[in-house]
Amino acid sequence: MTQIPARADVPAGALELLGEKGSAERALTAALASFQEQVQAVPSLDLAAVVEAARPAFAQGIAFSSQLVDIRGRHKLRVTVMHAGGAEVSSEEWADEVDDPLQASGWMLAMLLGIPLDKQAMPVEPEATSTVELASAGAQRPALPAKTSSVEASEPCAGAGGGDVALEPLTAQEIEATHQRILALPQAARRELTTAFREHFQVPRNARSIGDRITQHQHSAFIDRFLEEFEGAQAAAEP
């Protein structure tokens, strides 16, 4: 176990617990990294398909649970990935905001384990339509953090009727389609998108996933912009 130098103002027991927690988290990270080296893309985000793809992870001491958690009379669907070493990560979504709990559990588990979605299985996205709708309402697509100042990012996108189009909620289908597009990205690009999204929308560091943060048009527009730039860079790199 990793030894942490003792300090006079910190109880020895607390330092020992911190060391155990750090070791457990590193063990989970190592198990996930090993699994992600061999993971295959899934044909759909149905829970059964994701669980089948996750079998190599289970052989490395990883398990998961999917449960409904009561929060002041309202339920959240929570998926937790656990490791035999004691560490765990979780993702959650309001149960009344998902159409299919099994499908939602599938994509949350895929997000947590890093299981990609087969590009051929992705639904056809009406990107042009959604872009036109935002443009006709006067909304500007948010740029990535490297090209947008924090002041510009906080400005509202007013619609023709004076409403803030960017803050309007996405439908469950739009959220699910966005999740699927993220899962279809290569690991490196997905990490880059996650980092950019966290910085742009100031997602708390203790939030394990951005999946449940994608709820508004400004979020999907940001992701659309990232995907367009990523695909453009890929096309330019091809001989």
Protein backbone atom coordinates (compact mmCIF):
# COMPACT_ATOMS: atom_id res chain seq x y z
CA MET A 1 0.00 0.00 0.00
CA THR A 2 1.25 3.54 -0.77
CA GLN A 3 2.73 5.19 2.31
CA ILE A 4 1.73 8.80 3.03
CA PRO A 5 4.11 10.84 5.23
CA ALA A 6 2.62 11.49 8.66
CA ARG A 7 1.77 15.04 9.69
CA ALA A 8 1.36 16.31 13.20
CA ASP A 9 -2.01 17.93 12.45
CA VAL A 10 -3.55 14.90 10.70
CA PRO A 11 -4.54 11.69 12.56
CA ALA A 12 -2.60 8.63 11.43
CA GLY A 13 -5.86 6.77 10.83
CA ALA A 14 -7.05 9.44 8.38
CA LEU A 15 -3.79 9.24 6.43
CA GLU A 16 -4.12 5.48 6.23
CA LEU A 17 -7.66 5.80 4.85
CA LEU A 18 -6.48 8.30 2.25
CA GLY A 19 -3.75 5.90 1.19
CA GLU A 20 -6.21 3.04 0.86
CA LYS A 21 -8.60 5.18 -1.15
CA GLY A 22 -5.82 6.24 -3.51
CA SER A 23 -4.73 2.65 -4.02
CA ALA A 24 -8.32 1.54 -4.69
CA GLU A 25 -8.84 4.29 -7.28
CA ARG A 26 -5.58 3.43 -9.03
CA ALA A 27 -6.61 -0.23 -9.12
CA LEU A 28 -9.93 0.69 -10.74
CA THR A 29 -8.18 2.93 -13.25
CA ALA A 30 -5.72 0.17 -14.15
CA ALA A 31 -8.54 -2.36 -14.60
CA LEU A 32 -10.50 0.04 -16.82
CA ALA A 33 -7.41 0.87 -18.89
CA SER A 34 -6.72 -2.82 -19.44
CA PHE A 35 -10.33 -3.43 -20.42
CA GLN A 36 -10.47 -0.45 -22.80
CA GLU A 37 -7.46 -1.77 -24.71
CA GLN A 38 -9.52 -4.76 -25.84
CA VAL A 39 -13.10 -3.48 -25.75
CA GLN A 40 -15.17 -3.85 -28.92
CA ALA A 41 -17.78 -1.36 -30.14
CA VAL A 42 -21.37 -2.34 -29.36
CA PRO A 43 -24.11 -2.51 -32.02
CA SER A 44 -26.59 -0.74 -29.71
CA LEU A 45 -26.77 0.87 -26.29
CA ASP A 46 -29.30 -1.64 -25.02
CA LEU A 47 -28.22 -2.83 -21.56
CA ALA A 48 -27.91 -6.45 -22.70
CA ALA A 49 -25.52 -5.49 -25.54
CA VAL A 50 -23.40 -3.31 -23.26
CA VAL A 51 -23.22 -6.00 -20.56
CA GLU A 52 -22.09 -8.54 -23.15
CA ALA A 53 -19.31 -6.20 -24.29
CA ALA A 54 -18.34 -5.58 -20.65
CA ARG A 55 -17.63 -9.24 -19.82
CA PRO A 56 -13.83 -8.80 -20.01
CA ALA A 57 -14.14 -6.02 -17.41
CA PHE A 58 -16.07 -8.30 -15.08
CA ALA A 59 -13.21 -10.81 -15.28
CA GLN A 60 -10.91 -8.07 -13.91
CA GLY A 61 -12.87 -7.52 -10.72
CA ILE A 62 -15.28 -4.90 -12.04
CA ALA A 63 -19.02 -5.09 -11.34
CA PHE A 64 -21.95 -2.73 -11.78
CA SER A 65 -25.36 -2.00 -10.32
CA SER A 66 -28.38 -0.18 -11.70
CA GLN A 67 -30.95 1.07 -9.23
CA LEU A 68 -33.68 3.62 -8.62
CA VAL A 69 -32.82 6.00 -5.81
CA ASP A 70 -35.55 8.00 -4.07
CA ILE A 71 -34.65 11.68 -3.71
CA ARG A 72 -37.39 13.60 -1.91
CA GLY A 73 -40.14 11.69 -3.62
CA ARG A 74 -38.53 11.75 -7.05
CA HIS A 75 -36.50 8.86 -8.42
CA LYS A 76 -33.10 8.88 -10.05
CA LEU A 77 -31.74 6.04 -12.15
CA ARG A 78 -28.21 5.47 -10.89
CA VAL A 79 -25.63 3.20 -12.49
CA THR A 80 -22.53 2.46 -10.41
CA VAL A 81 -19.34 0.74 -11.56
CA MET A 82 -17.44 -0.90 -8.70
CA HIS A 83 -14.05 -2.56 -8.41
CA ALA A 84 -13.01 -5.36 -6.07
CA GLY A 85 -10.44 -2.97 -4.61
CA GLY A 86 -13.18 -0.77 -3.18
CA ALA A 87 -13.34 2.19 -5.59
CA GLU A 88 -16.44 3.08 -7.58
CA VAL A 89 -17.78 5.63 -10.07
CA SER A 90 -21.38 6.37 -10.92
CA SER A 91 -23.69 8.22 -13.30
CA GLU A 92 -27.32 9.11 -12.80
CA GLU A 93 -30.36 10.52 -14.58
CA TRP A 94 -33.86 11.44 -13.43
CA ALA A 95 -35.96 8.35 -14.03
CA ASP A 96 -38.97 10.33 -15.26
CA GLU A 97 -36.81 11.95 -17.97
CA VAL A 98 -35.84 8.72 -19.73
CA ASP A 99 -38.08 6.76 -22.05
CA ASP A 100 -36.47 3.37 -21.51
CA PRO A 101 -34.65 2.66 -18.19
CA LEU A 102 -32.81 -0.32 -19.69
CA GLN A 103 -31.59 1.76 -22.62
CA ALA A 104 -30.58 4.58 -20.27
CA SER A 105 -28.75 2.11 -18.01
CA GLY A 106 -26.98 0.80 -21.08
CA TRP A 107 -25.59 4.13 -22.23
CA MET A 108 -24.62 5.17 -18.69
CA LEU A 109 -22.73 1.89 -18.20
CA ALA A 110 -21.09 2.35 -21.61
CA MET A 111 -20.02 5.89 -20.66
CA LEU A 112 -18.55 4.75 -17.34
CA LEU A 113 -16.65 1.80 -18.82
CA GLY A 114 -15.60 3.57 -22.03
CA ILE A 115 -17.45 1.23 -24.39
CA PRO A 116 -17.88 2.84 -27.85
CA LEU A 117 -20.93 2.59 -30.06
CA ASP A 118 -20.49 1.13 -33.53
CA LYS A 119 -20.76 4.02 -36.02
CA GLN A 120 -22.98 1.92 -38.26
CA ALA A 121 -25.48 1.65 -35.41
CA MET A 122 -25.75 5.40 -34.91
CA PRO A 123 -29.11 6.96 -35.79
CA VAL A 124 -29.23 9.43 -38.65
CA GLU A 125 -29.02 12.82 -37.02
CA PRO A 126 -30.98 15.72 -38.53
CA GLU A 127 -28.02 18.03 -37.84
CA ALA A 128 -28.80 20.42 -40.68
CA THR A 129 -32.37 20.84 -39.43
CA SER A 130 -31.37 21.50 -35.84
CA THR A 131 -28.68 23.95 -36.97
CA VAL A 132 -31.17 25.86 -39.12
CA GLU A 133 -33.67 25.99 -36.28
CA LEU A 134 -31.07 27.50 -33.95
CA ALA A 135 -29.87 29.94 -36.59
CA SER A 136 -33.39 31.09 -37.49
CA ALA A 137 -34.03 31.84 -33.82
CA GLY A 138 -30.90 33.96 -33.64
CA ALA A 139 -28.89 31.51 -31.53
CA GLN A 140 -25.14 31.29 -32.05
CA ARG A 141 -23.38 27.95 -31.70
CA PRO A 142 -20.97 28.17 -28.75
CA ALA A 143 -17.34 27.79 -29.72
CA LEU A 144 -14.77 25.67 -27.94
CA PRO A 145 -13.05 27.25 -24.92
CA ALA A 146 -9.90 28.02 -26.92
CA LYS A 147 -11.89 30.31 -29.21
CA THR A 148 -14.50 31.75 -26.84
CA SER A 149 -14.02 34.00 -23.82
CA SER A 150 -15.89 33.29 -20.58
CA VAL A 151 -17.87 36.51 -21.08
CA GLU A 152 -19.01 35.50 -24.56
CA ALA A 153 -19.91 32.01 -23.38
CA SER A 154 -22.19 33.42 -20.68
CA GLU A 155 -24.16 35.69 -23.03
CA PRO A 156 -27.73 34.49 -23.63
CA CYS A 157 -28.86 33.41 -27.10
CA ALA A 158 -32.07 35.33 -27.52
CA GLY A 159 -34.72 33.97 -29.85
CA ALA A 160 -37.01 35.96 -32.07
CA GLY A 161 -39.58 36.02 -29.30
CA GLY A 162 -37.08 37.22 -26.69
CA GLY A 163 -36.58 33.78 -25.13
CA ASP A 164 -33.22 32.12 -24.52
CA VAL A 165 -33.13 29.34 -27.10
CA ALA A 166 -29.79 28.01 -25.86
CA LEU A 167 -31.28 27.29 -22.45
CA GLU A 168 -34.29 25.40 -23.76
CA PRO A 169 -34.28 21.73 -22.68
CA LEU A 170 -33.44 18.90 -25.03
CA THR A 171 -35.89 16.07 -25.51
CA ALA A 172 -35.03 12.61 -24.21
CA GLN A 173 -34.46 11.47 -27.80
CA GLU A 174 -32.07 14.37 -28.50
CA ILE A 175 -30.12 13.64 -25.31
CA GLU A 176 -29.82 9.96 -26.16
CA ALA A 177 -28.69 10.72 -29.73
CA THR A 178 -26.02 13.10 -28.39
CA HIS A 179 -24.77 10.44 -25.97
CA GLN A 180 -24.52 7.96 -28.83
CA ARG A 181 -22.47 10.37 -30.93
CA ILE A 182 -20.07 10.91 -28.03
CA LEU A 183 -19.68 7.18 -27.48
CA ALA A 184 -18.82 6.71 -31.15
CA LEU A 185 -15.72 8.92 -30.78
CA PRO A 186 -12.26 7.39 -30.32
CA GLN A 187 -11.06 7.37 -26.70
CA ALA A 188 -8.63 10.28 -27.14
CA ALA A 189 -11.22 12.50 -28.84
CA ARG A 190 -13.82 11.62 -26.20
CA ARG A 191 -11.43 12.66 -23.42
CA GLU A 192 -10.71 15.93 -25.25
CA LEU A 193 -14.43 16.64 -25.63
CA THR A 194 -15.12 15.81 -21.99
CA THR A 195 -12.35 18.15 -20.83
CA ALA A 196 -13.53 20.98 -23.10
CA PHE A 197 -17.16 20.53 -22.00
CA ARG A 198 -16.21 20.56 -18.32
CA GLU A 199 -14.17 23.75 -18.72
CA HIS A 200 -16.74 25.52 -20.90
CA PHE A 201 -19.75 24.77 -18.69
CA GLN A 202 -17.82 24.77 -15.40
CA VAL A 203 -18.81 21.23 -14.47
CA PRO A 204 -17.72 20.53 -10.86
CA ARG A 205 -14.57 18.44 -10.55
CA ASN A 206 -16.39 15.88 -8.38
CA ALA A 207 -18.89 15.15 -11.18
CA ARG A 208 -17.90 11.72 -12.51
CA SER A 209 -19.55 12.10 -15.92
CA ILE A 210 -20.86 14.80 -18.24
CA GLY A 211 -23.66 12.50 -19.41
CA ASP A 212 -26.25 13.90 -17.04
CA ARG A 213 -25.10 17.47 -17.76
CA ILE A 214 -26.21 17.38 -21.39
CA THR A 215 -29.71 18.80 -20.99
CA GLN A 216 -29.97 22.04 -22.99
CA HIS A 217 -29.58 23.19 -26.61
CA GLN A 218 -26.37 25.04 -25.71
CA HIS A 219 -24.86 21.72 -24.62
CA SER A 220 -25.74 19.88 -27.83
CA ALA A 221 -24.63 22.87 -29.92
CA PHE A 222 -21.24 22.87 -28.18
CA ILE A 223 -20.85 19.15 -28.85
CA ASP A 224 -21.96 19.60 -32.48
CA ARG A 225 -19.24 22.21 -32.95
CA PHE A 226 -16.61 19.93 -31.45
CA LEU A 227 -17.67 17.00 -33.63
CA GLU A 228 -17.63 19.16 -36.77
CA GLU A 229 -14.08 20.32 -36.03
CA PHE A 230 -12.97 16.79 -35.16
CA GLU A 231 -14.42 15.35 -38.38
CA GLY A 232 -12.91 18.21 -40.38
CA ALA A 233 -9.49 17.54 -38.88
CA GLN A 234 -9.82 13.84 -39.65
CA ALA A 235 -10.80 14.55 -43.26
CA ALA A 236 -7.85 16.90 -43.68
CA ALA A 237 -5.46 14.28 -42.29
CA GLU A 238 -6.57 11.61 -44.72
CA PRO A 239 -4.27 11.18 -47.78
